[in-house]
Amino acid sequence: MIRLALVAGVLLFGATIAILQRTVPPHAAAPNLDVIGYAQGAMAVMSVVVAMVLRGRVAAEPDAARRAGLLIIAWAVGESSGLFGGVVVFLGGAWMSYAIGVAAMLLVFALTPVRR
């Protein structure tokens, strides 16, 4: 349920951005989107790296409650990559940033399965 809620939030954010971009023209004074785009790409890569590290910790954790907490942390890091991609698009960037963020989020979810 938690993973479904995280994915739904990111997808609804993307849908909201798509609707807003149709009705509101972009700002003339947009920030330097190249730098923000590079930061988003780095965040996507780092979220996958964090998921791989936490995957090892989850597998080695004998306590079920701590395992669940580590999984939620990994999923939240993956979600942050998707949301940051949405922010880049919202500021006037290309939709590729959002696609990279969502792909990283889904990869994090695939790397950190719910069950052992």
PDB file of N, CA and C in Angstrom:
ATOM      1  N   MET A   1       0.807  -1.197   0.000  1.00  0.00           N
ATOM      2  CA  MET A   1       0.000   0.000   0.000  1.00  0.00           C
ATOM      3  C   MET A   1       0.857   1.270   0.000  1.00  0.00           C
ATOM      4  N   ILE A   2       1.935   1.239   0.749  1.00  0.00           N
ATOM      5  CA  ILE A   2       2.783   2.428   0.845  1.00  0.00           C
ATOM      6  C   ILE A   2       3.409   2.724  -0.519  1.00  0.00           C
ATOM      7  N   ARG A   3       3.908   1.687  -1.182  1.00  0.00           N
ATOM      8  CA  ARG A   3       4.521   1.907  -2.497  1.00  0.00           C
ATOM      9  C   ARG A   3       3.501   2.431  -3.495  1.00  0.00           C
ATOM     10  N   LEU A   4       2.296   1.920  -3.443  1.00  0.00           N
ATOM     11  CA  LEU A   4       1.248   2.386  -4.342  1.00  0.00           C
ATOM     12  C   LEU A   4       0.940   3.863  -4.089  1.00  0.00           C
ATOM     13  N   ALA A   5       0.896   4.252  -2.828  1.00  0.00           N
ATOM     14  CA  ALA A   5       0.639   5.656  -2.490  1.00  0.00           C
ATOM     15  C   ALA A   5       1.780   6.552  -2.977  1.00  0.00           C
ATOM     16  N   LEU A   6       3.015   6.083  -2.860  1.00  0.00           N
ATOM     17  CA  LEU A   6       4.152   6.880  -3.326  1.00  0.00           C
ATOM     18  C   LEU A   6       4.110   7.063  -4.840  1.00  0.00           C
ATOM     19  N   VAL A   7       3.835   5.986  -5.566  1.00  0.00           N
ATOM     20  CA  VAL A   7       3.759   6.081  -7.029  1.00  0.00           C
ATOM     21  C   VAL A   7       2.594   6.972  -7.443  1.00  0.00           C
ATOM     22  N   ALA A   8       1.456   6.809  -6.789  1.00  0.00           N
ATOM     23  CA  ALA A   8       0.282   7.620  -7.136  1.00  0.00           C
ATOM     24  C   ALA A   8       0.567   9.108  -6.918  1.00  0.00           C
ATOM     25  N   GLY A   9       1.258   9.437  -5.835  1.00  0.00           N
ATOM     26  CA  GLY A   9       1.589  10.840  -5.573  1.00  0.00           C
ATOM     27  C   GLY A   9       2.463  11.440  -6.655  1.00  0.00           C
ATOM     28  N   VAL A  10       3.468  10.697  -7.090  1.00  0.00           N
ATOM     29  CA  VAL A  10       4.367  11.200  -8.135  1.00  0.00           C
ATOM     30  C   VAL A  10       3.627  11.333  -9.461  1.00  0.00           C
ATOM     31  N   LEU A  11       2.795  10.357  -9.800  1.00  0.00           N
ATOM     32  CA  LEU A  11       2.055  10.422 -11.061  1.00  0.00           C
ATOM     33  C   LEU A  11       1.011  11.535 -11.044  1.00  0.00           C
ATOM     34  N   LEU A  12       0.356  11.748  -9.915  1.00  0.00           N
ATOM     35  CA  LEU A  12      -0.605  12.849  -9.817  1.00  0.00           C
ATOM     36  C   LEU A  12       0.089  14.204  -9.890  1.00  0.00           C
ATOM     37  N   PHE A  13       1.287  14.291  -9.336  1.00  0.00           N
ATOM     38  CA  PHE A  13       2.065  15.519  -9.441  1.00  0.00           C
ATOM     39  C   PHE A  13       2.395  15.802 -10.908  1.00  0.00           C
ATOM     40  N   GLY A  14       2.790  14.769 -11.648  1.00  0.00           N
ATOM     41  CA  GLY A  14       3.068  14.932 -13.074  1.00  0.00           C
ATOM     42  C   GLY A  14       1.829  15.352 -13.851  1.00  0.00           C
ATOM     43  N   ALA A  15       0.681  14.760 -13.512  1.00  0.00           N
ATOM     44  CA  ALA A  15      -0.564  15.141 -14.187  1.00  0.00           C
ATOM     45  C   ALA A  15      -0.929  16.586 -13.878  1.00  0.00           C
ATOM     46  N   THR A  16      -0.733  17.001 -12.648  1.00  0.00           N
ATOM     47  CA  THR A  16      -1.014  18.384 -12.263  1.00  0.00           C
ATOM     48  C   THR A  16      -0.117  19.349 -13.027  1.00  0.00           C
ATOM     49  N   ILE A  17       1.147  18.994 -13.161  1.00  0.00           N
ATOM     50  CA  ILE A  17       2.074  19.850 -13.913  1.00  0.00           C
ATOM     51  C   ILE A  17       1.636  19.954 -15.369  1.00  0.00           C
ATOM     52  N   ALA A  18       1.224  18.825 -15.950  1.00  0.00           N
ATOM     53  CA  ALA A  18       0.787  18.835 -17.352  1.00  0.00           C
ATOM     54  C   ALA A  18      -0.428  19.740 -17.537  1.00  0.00           C
ATOM     55  N   ILE A  19      -1.357  19.697 -16.608  1.00  0.00           N
ATOM     56  CA  ILE A  19      -2.553  20.541 -16.695  1.00  0.00           C
ATOM     57  C   ILE A  19      -2.187  22.013 -16.516  1.00  0.00           C
ATOM     58  N   LEU A  20      -1.316  22.292 -15.541  1.00  0.00           N
ATOM     59  CA  LEU A  20      -0.926  23.682 -15.297  1.00  0.00           C
ATOM     60  C   LEU A  20      -0.139  24.267 -16.463  1.00  0.00           C
ATOM     61  N   GLN A  21       0.691  23.471 -17.101  1.00  0.00           N
ATOM     62  CA  GLN A  21       1.478  24.000 -18.215  1.00  0.00           C
ATOM     63  C   GLN A  21       0.614  24.326 -19.418  1.00  0.00           C
ATOM     64  N   ARG A  22      -0.549  23.718 -19.521  1.00  0.00           N
ATOM     65  CA  ARG A  22      -1.463  24.050 -20.614  1.00  0.00           C
ATOM     66  C   ARG A  22      -2.165  25.385 -20.374  1.00  0.00           C
ATOM     67  N   THR A  23      -2.423  25.708 -19.108  1.00  0.00           N
ATOM     68  CA  THR A  23      -3.222  26.886 -18.804  1.00  0.00           C
ATOM     69  C   THR A  23      -2.394  28.106 -18.414  1.00  0.00           C
ATOM     70  N   VAL A  24      -1.220  27.902 -17.830  1.00  0.00           N
ATOM     71  CA  VAL A  24      -0.393  29.011 -17.356  1.00  0.00           C
ATOM     72  C   VAL A  24       0.876  29.070 -18.196  1.00  0.00           C
ATOM     73  N   PRO A  25       1.180  30.205 -18.814  1.00  0.00           N
ATOM     74  CA  PRO A  25       2.408  30.289 -19.608  1.00  0.00           C
ATOM     75  C   PRO A  25       3.636  30.223 -18.704  1.00  0.00           C
ATOM     76  N   PRO A  26       4.761  29.694 -19.220  1.00  0.00           N
ATOM     77  CA  PRO A  26       5.972  29.621 -18.396  1.00  0.00           C
ATOM     78  C   PRO A  26       6.515  31.010 -18.065  1.00  0.00           C
ATOM     79  N   HIS A  27       7.215  31.086 -16.950  1.00  0.00           N
ATOM     80  CA  HIS A  27       7.796  32.357 -16.516  1.00  0.00           C
ATOM     81  C   HIS A  27       8.966  32.739 -17.403  1.00  0.00           C
ATOM     82  N   ALA A  28       9.111  34.015 -17.624  1.00  0.00           N
ATOM     83  CA  ALA A  28      10.219  34.504 -18.447  1.00  0.00           C
ATOM     84  C   ALA A  28      11.540  34.397 -17.696  1.00  0.00           C
ATOM     85  N   ALA A  29      11.500  34.559 -16.388  1.00  0.00           N
ATOM     86  CA  ALA A  29      12.721  34.528 -15.586  1.00  0.00           C
ATOM     87  C   ALA A  29      12.891  33.142 -14.958  1.00  0.00           C
ATOM     88  N   ALA A  30      13.038  32.122 -15.789  1.00  0.00           N
ATOM     89  CA  ALA A  30      13.237  30.763 -15.288  1.00  0.00           C
ATOM     90  C   ALA A  30      14.668  30.624 -14.769  1.00  0.00           C
ATOM     91  N   PRO A  31      14.875  29.800 -13.754  1.00  0.00           N
ATOM     92  CA  PRO A  31      16.231  29.601 -13.238  1.00  0.00           C
ATOM     93  C   PRO A  31      17.084  28.842 -14.251  1.00  0.00           C
ATOM     94  N   ASN A  32      18.358  28.699 -13.945  1.00  0.00           N
ATOM     95  CA  ASN A  32      19.273  27.977 -14.817  1.00  0.00           C
ATOM     96  C   ASN A  32      18.908  26.495 -14.783  1.00  0.00           C
ATOM     97  N   LEU A  33      18.167  26.057 -15.788  1.00  0.00           N
ATOM     98  CA  LEU A  33      17.645  24.697 -15.787  1.00  0.00           C
ATOM     99  C   LEU A  33      18.693  23.655 -16.107  1.00  0.00           C
ATOM    100  N   ASP A  34      19.798  24.044 -16.713  1.00  0.00           N
ATOM    101  CA  ASP A  34      20.855  23.069 -16.982  1.00  0.00           C
ATOM    102  C   ASP A  34      21.424  22.524 -15.676  1.00  0.00           C
ATOM    103  N   VAL A  35      21.716  23.412 -14.753  1.00  0.00           N
ATOM    104  CA  VAL A  35      22.274  22.996 -13.468  1.00  0.00           C
ATOM    105  C   VAL A  35      21.274  22.153 -12.696  1.00  0.00           C
ATOM    106  N   ILE A  36      20.029  22.569 -12.695  1.00  0.00           N
ATOM    107  CA  ILE A  36      19.006  21.811 -11.975  1.00  0.00           C
ATOM    108  C   ILE A  36      18.795  20.447 -12.633  1.00  0.00           C
ATOM    109  N   GLY A  37      18.867  20.390 -13.950  1.00  0.00           N
ATOM    110  CA  GLY A  37      18.744  19.115 -14.652  1.00  0.00           C
ATOM    111  C   GLY A  37      19.871  18.165 -14.305  1.00  0.00           C
ATOM    112  N   TYR A  38      21.105  18.684 -14.213  1.00  0.00           N
ATOM    113  CA  TYR A  38      22.228  17.841 -13.803  1.00  0.00           C
ATOM    114  C   TYR A  38      22.054  17.361 -12.369  1.00  0.00           C
ATOM    115  N   ALA A  39      21.568  18.229 -11.509  1.00  0.00           N
ATOM    116  CA  ALA A  39      21.325  17.838 -10.118  1.00  0.00           C
ATOM    117  C   ALA A  39      20.256  16.752 -10.039  1.00  0.00           C
ATOM    118  N   GLN A  40      19.238  16.854 -10.881  1.00  0.00           N
ATOM    119  CA  GLN A  40      18.191  15.838 -10.887  1.00  0.00           C
ATOM    120  C   GLN A  40      18.739  14.505 -11.381  1.00  0.00           C
ATOM    121  N   GLY A  41      19.579  14.525 -12.393  1.00  0.00           N
ATOM    122  CA  GLY A  41      20.202  13.290 -12.874  1.00  0.00           C
ATOM    123  C   GLY A  41      21.081  12.654 -11.814  1.00  0.00           C
ATOM    124  N   ALA A  42      21.849  13.490 -11.111  1.00  0.00           N
ATOM    125  CA  ALA A  42      22.692  12.973 -10.031  1.00  0.00           C
ATOM    126  C   ALA A  42      21.832  12.395  -8.913  1.00  0.00           C
ATOM    127  N   MET A  43      20.723  13.033  -8.630  1.00  0.00           N
ATOM    128  CA  MET A  43      19.842  12.522  -7.585  1.00  0.00           C
ATOM    129  C   MET A  43      19.235  11.179  -7.986  1.00  0.00           C
ATOM    130  N   ALA A  44      18.889  11.041  -9.260  1.00  0.00           N
ATOM    131  CA  ALA A  44      18.335   9.768  -9.729  1.00  0.00           C
ATOM    132  C   ALA A  44      19.360   8.645  -9.569  1.00  0.00           C
ATOM    133  N   VAL A  45      20.608   8.926  -9.933  1.00  0.00           N
ATOM    134  CA  VAL A  45      21.658   7.915  -9.786  1.00  0.00           C
ATOM    135  C   VAL A  45      21.894   7.603  -8.313  1.00  0.00           C
ATOM    136  N   MET A  46      21.955   8.631  -7.495  1.00  0.00           N
ATOM    137  CA  MET A  46      22.211   8.410  -6.066  1.00  0.00           C
ATOM    138  C   MET A  46      21.062   7.669  -5.386  1.00  0.00           C
ATOM    139  N   SER A  47      19.835   7.884  -5.826  1.00  0.00           N
ATOM    140  CA  SER A  47      18.725   7.153  -5.219  1.00  0.00           C
ATOM    141  C   SER A  47      18.830   5.664  -5.513  1.00  0.00           C
ATOM    142  N   VAL A  48      19.302   5.315  -6.701  1.00  0.00           N
ATOM    143  CA  VAL A  48      19.499   3.899  -7.033  1.00  0.00           C
ATOM    144  C   VAL A  48      20.656   3.321  -6.208  1.00  0.00           C
ATOM    145  N   VAL A  49      21.721   4.093  -6.035  1.00  0.00           N
ATOM    146  CA  VAL A  49      22.852   3.635  -5.222  1.00  0.00           C
ATOM    147  C   VAL A  49      22.415   3.423  -3.775  1.00  0.00           C
ATOM    148  N   VAL A  50      21.667   4.357  -3.234  1.00  0.00           N
ATOM    149  CA  VAL A  50      21.162   4.218  -1.859  1.00  0.00           C
ATOM    150  C   VAL A  50      20.273   2.990  -1.743  1.00  0.00           C
ATOM    151  N   ALA A  51      19.450   2.738  -2.753  1.00  0.00           N
ATOM    152  CA  ALA A  51      18.577   1.560  -2.727  1.00  0.00           C
ATOM    153  C   ALA A  51      19.399   0.272  -2.736  1.00  0.00           C
ATOM    154  N   MET A  52      20.485   0.260  -3.495  1.00  0.00           N
ATOM    155  CA  MET A  52      21.327  -0.938  -3.526  1.00  0.00           C
ATOM    156  C   MET A  52      22.000  -1.173  -2.178  1.00  0.00           C
ATOM    157  N   VAL A  53      22.434  -0.108  -1.535  1.00  0.00           N
ATOM    158  CA  VAL A  53      23.045  -0.237  -0.211  1.00  0.00           C
ATOM    159  C   VAL A  53      22.003  -0.699   0.809  1.00  0.00           C
ATOM    160  N   LEU A  54      20.838  -0.071   0.779  1.00  0.00           N
ATOM    161  CA  LEU A  54      19.794  -0.455   1.731  1.00  0.00           C
ATOM    162  C   LEU A  54      19.253  -1.852   1.454  1.00  0.00           C
ATOM    163  N   ARG A  55      19.330  -2.300   0.225  1.00  0.00           N
ATOM    164  CA  ARG A  55      18.898  -3.661  -0.099  1.00  0.00           C
ATOM    165  C   ARG A  55      19.749  -4.669   0.666  1.00  0.00           C
ATOM    166  N   GLY A  56      21.051  -4.433   0.709  1.00  0.00           N
ATOM    167  CA  GLY A  56      21.933  -5.303   1.488  1.00  0.00           C
ATOM    168  C   GLY A  56      21.635  -5.244   2.970  1.00  0.00           C
ATOM    169  N   ARG A  57      21.354  -4.054   3.468  1.00  0.00           N
ATOM    170  CA  ARG A  57      21.007  -3.915   4.888  1.00  0.00           C
ATOM    171  C   ARG A  57      19.697  -4.617   5.214  1.00  0.00           C
ATOM    172  N   VAL A  58      18.715  -4.512   4.317  1.00  0.00           N
ATOM    173  CA  VAL A  58      17.417  -5.157   4.542  1.00  0.00           C
ATOM    174  C   VAL A  58      17.578  -6.672   4.566  1.00  0.00           C
ATOM    175  N   ALA A  59      18.389  -7.201   3.654  1.00  0.00           N
ATOM    176  CA  ALA A  59      18.585  -8.649   3.584  1.00  0.00           C
ATOM    177  C   ALA A  59      19.291  -9.178   4.833  1.00  0.00           C
ATOM    178  N   ALA A  60      20.167  -8.371   5.429  1.00  0.00           N
ATOM    179  CA  ALA A  60      20.915  -8.811   6.601  1.00  0.00           C
ATOM    180  C   ALA A  60      20.190  -8.537   7.916  1.00  0.00           C
ATOM    181  N   GLU A  61      19.111  -7.804   7.890  1.00  0.00           N
ATOM    182  CA  GLU A  61      18.403  -7.403   9.113  1.00  0.00           C
ATOM    183  C   GLU A  61      17.497  -8.527   9.601  1.00  0.00           C
ATOM    184  N   PRO A  62      17.719  -9.037  10.825  1.00  0.00           N
ATOM    185  CA  PRO A  62      16.862 -10.108  11.336  1.00  0.00           C
ATOM    186  C   PRO A  62      15.515  -9.613  11.896  1.00  0.00           C
ATOM    187  N   ASP A  63      15.466  -8.357  12.330  1.00  0.00           N
ATOM    188  CA  ASP A  63      14.249  -7.814  12.936  1.00  0.00           C
ATOM    189  C   ASP A  63      13.294  -7.319  11.848  1.00  0.00           C
ATOM    190  N   ALA A  64      12.069  -7.814  11.860  1.00  0.00           N
ATOM    191  CA  ALA A  64      11.083  -7.467  10.823  1.00  0.00           C
ATOM    192  C   ALA A  64      10.705  -5.984  10.869  1.00  0.00           C
ATOM    193  N   ALA A  65      10.605  -5.412  12.059  1.00  0.00           N
ATOM    194  CA  ALA A  65      10.217  -4.001  12.175  1.00  0.00           C
ATOM    195  C   ALA A  65      11.299  -3.086  11.596  1.00  0.00           C
ATOM    196  N   ARG A  66      12.548  -3.391  11.884  1.00  0.00           N
ATOM    197  CA  ARG A  66      13.645  -2.582  11.328  1.00  0.00           C
ATOM    198  C   ARG A  66      13.745  -2.767   9.819  1.00  0.00           C
ATOM    199  N   ARG A  67      13.486  -3.987   9.360  1.00  0.00           N
ATOM    200  CA  ARG A  67      13.493  -4.252   7.924  1.00  0.00           C
ATOM    201  C   ARG A  67      12.440  -3.393   7.223  1.00  0.00           C
ATOM    202  N   ALA A  68      11.253  -3.326   7.795  1.00  0.00           N
ATOM    203  CA  ALA A  68      10.181  -2.514   7.211  1.00  0.00           C
ATOM    204  C   ALA A  68      10.573  -1.035   7.197  1.00  0.00           C
ATOM    205  N   GLY A  69      11.201  -0.571   8.258  1.00  0.00           N
ATOM    206  CA  GLY A  69      11.639   0.829   8.305  1.00  0.00           C
ATOM    207  C   GLY A  69      12.690   1.139   7.246  1.00  0.00           C
ATOM    208  N   LEU A  70      13.629   0.226   7.045  1.00  0.00           N
ATOM    209  CA  LEU A  70      14.651   0.429   6.016  1.00  0.00           C
ATOM    210  C   LEU A  70      14.040   0.432   4.621  1.00  0.00           C
ATOM    211  N   LEU A  71      13.047  -0.418   4.394  1.00  0.00           N
ATOM    212  CA  LEU A  71      12.375  -0.437   3.097  1.00  0.00           C
ATOM    213  C   LEU A  71      11.661   0.888   2.830  1.00  0.00           C
ATOM    214  N   ILE A  72      11.002   1.418   3.835  1.00  0.00           N
ATOM    215  CA  ILE A  72      10.294   2.689   3.662  1.00  0.00           C
ATOM    216  C   ILE A  72      11.275   3.819   3.378  1.00  0.00           C
ATOM    217  N   ILE A  73      12.434   3.782   4.022  1.00  0.00           N
ATOM    218  CA  ILE A  73      13.459   4.794   3.746  1.00  0.00           C
ATOM    219  C   ILE A  73      13.916   4.697   2.296  1.00  0.00           C
ATOM    220  N   ALA A  74      14.172   3.488   1.820  1.00  0.00           N
ATOM    221  CA  ALA A  74      14.602   3.311   0.425  1.00  0.00           C
ATOM    222  C   ALA A  74      13.531   3.793  -0.541  1.00  0.00           C
ATOM    223  N   TRP A  75      12.294   3.471  -0.266  1.00  0.00           N
ATOM    224  CA  TRP A  75      11.203   3.897  -1.153  1.00  0.00           C
ATOM    225  C   TRP A  75      11.055   5.420  -1.155  1.00  0.00           C
ATOM    226  N   ALA A  76      11.231   6.037   0.004  1.00  0.00           N
ATOM    227  CA  ALA A  76      11.125   7.501   0.078  1.00  0.00           C
ATOM    228  C   ALA A  76      12.239   8.172  -0.722  1.00  0.00           C
ATOM    229  N   VAL A  77      13.429   7.592  -0.696  1.00  0.00           N
ATOM    230  CA  VAL A  77      14.532   8.143  -1.491  1.00  0.00           C
ATOM    231  C   VAL A  77      14.210   8.022  -2.972  1.00  0.00           C
ATOM    232  N   GLY A  78      13.636   6.889  -3.375  1.00  0.00           N
ATOM    233  CA  GLY A  78      13.228   6.731  -4.768  1.00  0.00           C
ATOM    234  C   GLY A  78      12.143   7.716  -5.167  1.00  0.00           C
ATOM    235  N   GLU A  79      11.186   7.926  -4.273  1.00  0.00           N
ATOM    236  CA  GLU A  79      10.115   8.884  -4.560  1.00  0.00           C
ATOM    237  C   GLU A  79      10.661  10.294  -4.707  1.00  0.00           C
ATOM    238  N   SER A  80      11.653  10.634  -3.911  1.00  0.00           N
ATOM    239  CA  SER A  80      12.217  11.984  -4.000  1.00  0.00           C
ATOM    240  C   SER A  80      12.812  12.248  -5.374  1.00  0.00           C
ATOM    241  N   SER A  81      13.357  11.222  -5.995  1.00  0.00           N
ATOM    242  CA  SER A  81      13.891  11.385  -7.346  1.00  0.00           C
ATOM    243  C   SER A  81      12.776  11.705  -8.342  1.00  0.00           C
ATOM    244  N   GLY A  82      11.656  11.011  -8.231  1.00  0.00           N
ATOM    245  CA  GLY A  82      10.515  11.288  -9.104  1.00  0.00           C
ATOM    246  C   GLY A  82       9.933  12.672  -8.880  1.00  0.00           C
ATOM    247  N   LEU A  83       9.814  13.068  -7.618  1.00  0.00           N
ATOM    248  CA  LEU A  83       9.273  14.392  -7.313  1.00  0.00           C
ATOM    249  C   LEU A  83      10.207  15.507  -7.781  1.00  0.00           C
ATOM    250  N   PHE A  84      11.503  15.300  -7.638  1.00  0.00           N
ATOM    251  CA  PHE A  84      12.457  16.307  -8.086  1.00  0.00           C
ATOM    252  C   PHE A  84      12.401  16.464  -9.605  1.00  0.00           C
ATOM    253  N   GLY A  85      12.209  15.353 -10.318  1.00  0.00           N
ATOM    254  CA  GLY A  85      12.015  15.444 -11.768  1.00  0.00           C
ATOM    255  C   GLY A  85      10.785  16.266 -12.112  1.00  0.00           C
ATOM    256  N   GLY A  86       9.731  16.113 -11.322  1.00  0.00           N
ATOM    257  CA  GLY A  86       8.535  16.917 -11.522  1.00  0.00           C
ATOM    258  C   GLY A  86       8.772  18.387 -11.268  1.00  0.00           C
ATOM    259  N   VAL A  87       9.572  18.690 -10.275  1.00  0.00           N
ATOM    260  CA  VAL A  87       9.888  20.089  -9.974  1.00  0.00           C
ATOM    261  C   VAL A  87      10.674  20.712 -11.126  1.00  0.00           C
ATOM    262  N   VAL A  88      11.593  19.947 -11.711  1.00  0.00           N
ATOM    263  CA  VAL A  88      12.369  20.462 -12.843  1.00  0.00           C
ATOM    264  C   VAL A  88      11.431  20.793 -14.005  1.00  0.00           C
ATOM    265  N   VAL A  89      10.470  19.920 -14.270  1.00  0.00           N
ATOM    266  CA  VAL A  89       9.505  20.181 -15.344  1.00  0.00           C
ATOM    267  C   VAL A  89       8.647  21.384 -14.987  1.00  0.00           C
ATOM    268  N   PHE A  90       8.237  21.478 -13.735  1.00  0.00           N
ATOM    269  CA  PHE A  90       7.395  22.587 -13.291  1.00  0.00           C
ATOM    270  C   PHE A  90       8.097  23.925 -13.474  1.00  0.00           C
ATOM    271  N   LEU A  91       9.411  23.943 -13.289  1.00  0.00           N
ATOM    272  CA  LEU A  91      10.172  25.179 -13.448  1.00  0.00           C
ATOM    273  C   LEU A  91      10.408  25.528 -14.909  1.00  0.00           C
ATOM    274  N   GLY A  92      10.035  24.657 -15.817  1.00  0.00           N
ATOM    275  CA  GLY A  92      10.163  24.982 -17.226  1.00  0.00           C
ATOM    276  C   GLY A  92      11.104  24.080 -17.991  1.00  0.00           C
ATOM    277  N   GLY A  93      11.513  22.997 -17.380  1.00  0.00           N
ATOM    278  CA  GLY A  93      12.441  22.083 -18.038  1.00  0.00           C
ATOM    279  C   GLY A  93      11.748  21.082 -18.940  1.00  0.00           C
ATOM    280  N   ALA A  94      12.509  20.180 -19.445  1.00  0.00           N
ATOM    281  CA  ALA A  94      12.008  19.155 -20.359  1.00  0.00           C
ATOM    282  C   ALA A  94      11.364  18.020 -19.562  1.00  0.00           C
ATOM    283  N   TRP A  95      10.437  17.345 -20.190  1.00  0.00           N
ATOM    284  CA  TRP A  95       9.757  16.218 -19.554  1.00  0.00           C
ATOM    285  C   TRP A  95      10.686  15.029 -19.361  1.00  0.00           C
ATOM    286  N   MET A  96      11.852  15.054 -20.011  1.00  0.00           N
ATOM    287  CA  MET A  96      12.804  13.960 -19.833  1.00  0.00           C
ATOM    288  C   MET A  96      13.271  13.870 -18.384  1.00  0.00           C
ATOM    289  N   SER A  97      13.364  14.993 -17.689  1.00  0.00           N
ATOM    290  CA  SER A  97      13.760  14.979 -16.277  1.00  0.00           C
ATOM    291  C   SER A  97      12.744  14.220 -15.442  1.00  0.00           C
ATOM    292  N   TYR A  98      11.485  14.430 -15.738  1.00  0.00           N
ATOM    293  CA  TYR A  98      10.434  13.710 -15.020  1.00  0.00           C
ATOM    294  C   TYR A  98      10.493  12.218 -15.332  1.00  0.00           C
ATOM    295  N   ALA A  99      10.725  11.887 -16.594  1.00  0.00           N
ATOM    296  CA  ALA A  99      10.811  10.480 -16.987  1.00  0.00           C
ATOM    297  C   ALA A  99      11.994   9.793 -16.313  1.00  0.00           C
ATOM    298  N   ILE A 100      13.119  10.478 -16.225  1.00  0.00           N
ATOM    299  CA  ILE A 100      14.290   9.912 -15.554  1.00  0.00           C
ATOM    300  C   ILE A 100      13.995   9.702 -14.073  1.00  0.00           C
ATOM    301  N   GLY A 101      13.339  10.662 -13.440  1.00  0.00           N
ATOM    302  CA  GLY A 101      12.998  10.534 -12.024  1.00  0.00           C
ATOM    303  C   GLY A 101      12.036   9.387 -11.760  1.00  0.00           C
ATOM    304  N   VAL A 102      11.014   9.253 -12.600  1.00  0.00           N
ATOM    305  CA  VAL A 102      10.054   8.159 -12.420  1.00  0.00           C
ATOM    306  C   VAL A 102      10.729   6.815 -12.687  1.00  0.00           C
ATOM    307  N   ALA A 103      11.605   6.754 -13.692  1.00  0.00           N
ATOM    308  CA  ALA A 103      12.329   5.510 -13.972  1.00  0.00           C
ATOM    309  C   ALA A 103      13.225   5.128 -12.800  1.00  0.00           C
ATOM    310  N   ALA A 104      13.901   6.105 -12.207  1.00  0.00           N
ATOM    311  CA  ALA A 104      14.738   5.822 -11.040  1.00  0.00           C
ATOM    312  C   ALA A 104      13.886   5.346  -9.873  1.00  0.00           C
ATOM    313  N   MET A 105      12.723   5.961  -9.691  1.00  0.00           N
ATOM    314  CA  MET A 105      11.832   5.538  -8.612  1.00  0.00           C
ATOM    315  C   MET A 105      11.389   4.096  -8.817  1.00  0.00           C
ATOM    316  N   LEU A 106      11.002   3.748 -10.023  1.00  0.00           N
ATOM    317  CA  LEU A 106      10.557   2.382 -10.294  1.00  0.00           C
ATOM    318  C   LEU A 106      11.702   1.381 -10.161  1.00  0.00           C
ATOM    319  N   LEU A 107      12.915   1.802 -10.524  1.00  0.00           N
ATOM    320  CA  LEU A 107      14.072   0.937 -10.339  1.00  0.00           C
ATOM    321  C   LEU A 107      14.362   0.716  -8.857  1.00  0.00           C
ATOM    322  N   VAL A 108      14.213   1.748  -8.065  1.00  0.00           N
ATOM    323  CA  VAL A 108      14.380   1.602  -6.612  1.00  0.00           C
ATOM    324  C   VAL A 108      13.349   0.629  -6.066  1.00  0.00           C
ATOM    325  N   PHE A 109      12.108   0.724  -6.524  1.00  0.00           N
ATOM    326  CA  PHE A 109      11.072  -0.196  -6.066  1.00  0.00           C
ATOM    327  C   PHE A 109      11.392  -1.629  -6.482  1.00  0.00           C
ATOM    328  N   ALA A 110      11.965  -1.801  -7.667  1.00  0.00           N
ATOM    329  CA  ALA A 110      12.311  -3.146  -8.123  1.00  0.00           C
ATOM    330  C   ALA A 110      13.498  -3.716  -7.324  1.00  0.00           C
ATOM    331  N   LEU A 111      14.424  -2.837  -6.927  1.00  0.00           N
ATOM    332  CA  LEU A 111      15.595  -3.295  -6.172  1.00  0.00           C
ATOM    333  C   LEU A 111      15.260  -3.617  -4.724  1.00  0.00           C
ATOM    334  N   THR A 112      14.223  -3.041  -4.201  1.00  0.00           N
ATOM    335  CA  THR A 112      13.866  -3.265  -2.794  1.00  0.00           C
ATOM    336  C   THR A 112      12.477  -3.899  -2.721  1.00  0.00           C
ATOM    337  N   PRO A 113      12.410  -5.215  -2.904  1.00  0.00           N
ATOM    338  CA  PRO A 113      11.109  -5.883  -2.895  1.00  0.00           C
ATOM    339  C   PRO A 113      10.488  -5.899  -1.504  1.00  0.00           C
ATOM    340  N   VAL A 114       9.189  -6.092  -1.480  1.00  0.00           N
ATOM    341  CA  VAL A 114       8.456  -6.096  -0.215  1.00  0.00           C
ATOM    342  C   VAL A 114       8.768  -7.346   0.592  1.00  0.00           C
ATOM    343  N   ARG A 115       8.783  -8.463  -0.066  1.00  0.00           N
ATOM    344  CA  ARG A 115       8.995  -9.745   0.642  1.00  0.00           C
ATOM    345  C   ARG A 115      10.421 -10.199   0.477  1.00  0.00           C
ATOM    346  N   ARG A 116      10.826 -11.056   1.406  1.00  0.00           N
ATOM    347  CA  ARG A 116      12.162 -11.650   1.333  1.00  0.00           C
ATOM    348  C   ARG A 116      12.244 -12.676   0.262  1.00  0.00           C
TER     349      ARG A 116
END
